[in-house]
Protein backbone atom coordinates (compact mmCIF):
# COMPACT_ATOMS: atom_id res chain seq x y z
CA UNK A 1 1.17 8.24 -13.90
CA UNK A 2 0.60 5.17 -16.05
CA UNK A 3 1.47 6.79 -19.36
CA UNK A 4 4.57 8.39 -17.90
CA UNK A 5 5.63 4.97 -16.64
CA UNK A 6 5.10 3.44 -20.07
CA UNK A 7 6.96 6.30 -21.74
CA UNK A 8 9.88 6.04 -19.35
CA UNK A 9 10.26 2.27 -19.26
CA UNK A 10 9.26 0.93 -22.67
CA UNK A 11 11.68 2.97 -24.73
CA UNK A 12 9.01 5.30 -26.09
CA UNK A 13 9.88 8.91 -26.67
CA UNK A 14 8.75 11.14 -23.83
CA UNK A 15 5.27 12.50 -24.56
CA UNK A 16 4.69 10.21 -27.54
CA UNK A 17 1.08 9.07 -27.72
CA UNK A 18 0.48 5.43 -28.60
CA UNK A 19 -2.76 3.63 -29.38
CA UNK A 20 -2.47 1.67 -26.15
CA UNK A 21 -2.51 4.94 -24.18
CA UNK A 22 -5.67 6.12 -25.89
CA UNK A 23 -7.35 2.74 -25.38
CA UNK A 24 -6.29 2.68 -21.74
CA UNK A 25 -7.62 6.18 -21.17
CA UNK A 26 -10.97 5.33 -22.77
CA UNK A 27 -11.32 2.16 -20.69
CA UNK A 28 -10.48 3.95 -17.46
CA UNK A 29 -12.95 6.71 -18.23
CA UNK A 30 -15.60 4.13 -19.15
CA UNK A 31 -15.08 2.38 -15.83
CA UNK A 32 -15.42 5.63 -13.91
CA UNK A 33 -11.78 5.39 -12.90
CA UNK A 34 -10.68 8.47 -14.81
CA UNK A 35 -9.88 10.32 -11.60
CA UNK A 36 -7.01 7.86 -11.03
CA UNK A 37 -5.82 8.47 -14.56
CA UNK A 38 -6.08 12.28 -14.62
CA UNK A 39 -6.25 13.10 -10.93
CA UNK A 40 -9.74 14.58 -11.36
CA UNK A 41 -13.23 13.14 -11.08
CA UNK A 42 -15.13 12.78 -14.35
CA UNK A 43 -18.19 15.04 -14.65
CA UNK A 44 -20.59 12.07 -14.32
CA UNK A 45 -18.98 10.93 -11.07
CA UNK A 46 -18.90 14.49 -9.78
CA UNK A 47 -22.62 14.95 -10.51
CA UNK A 48 -23.57 11.61 -8.92
CA UNK A 49 -21.63 12.30 -5.74
CA UNK A 50 -22.64 15.92 -5.26
CA UNK A 51 -25.10 16.87 -2.49
CA UNK A 52 -27.52 18.14 -5.15
CA UNK A 53 -27.83 14.58 -6.53
CA UNK A 54 -29.97 13.73 -3.51
CA UNK A 55 -32.88 15.81 -4.84
CA UNK A 56 -33.07 15.17 -8.55
CA UNK A 57 -36.11 16.18 -10.51
CA UNK A 58 -37.32 15.52 -14.00
CA UNK A 59 -37.96 18.36 -16.44
CA UNK A 60 -41.59 18.51 -15.26
CA UNK A 61 -40.57 18.98 -11.63
CA UNK A 62 -41.50 15.49 -10.45
CA UNK A 63 -38.99 13.45 -8.43
CA UNK A 64 -36.69 11.29 -10.52
CA UNK A 65 -37.66 7.61 -10.75
CA UNK A 66 -34.82 6.55 -8.48
CA UNK A 67 -36.05 8.86 -5.71
CA UNK A 68 -39.70 7.77 -5.77
CA UNK A 69 -41.21 5.79 -2.92
CA UNK A 70 -41.78 2.10 -3.81
CA UNK A 71 -45.37 0.92 -4.14
CA UNK A 72 -46.68 -1.00 -1.15
């Protein structure tokens, strides 16, 4: 992946962690692009895209604000 490319082509030792790698990972995760970085979906993306996300409820059992009907 990206880090492997950097390690192979910038003269870094294989597997050596640099600050740029950590920063890059944090930015990718923050942008919701972590699945491209790690090959897996982040938990937040997984929860938002799951079929159960359609019927969210608050702790009191009411529909979540996003799912409520708009006032007419």
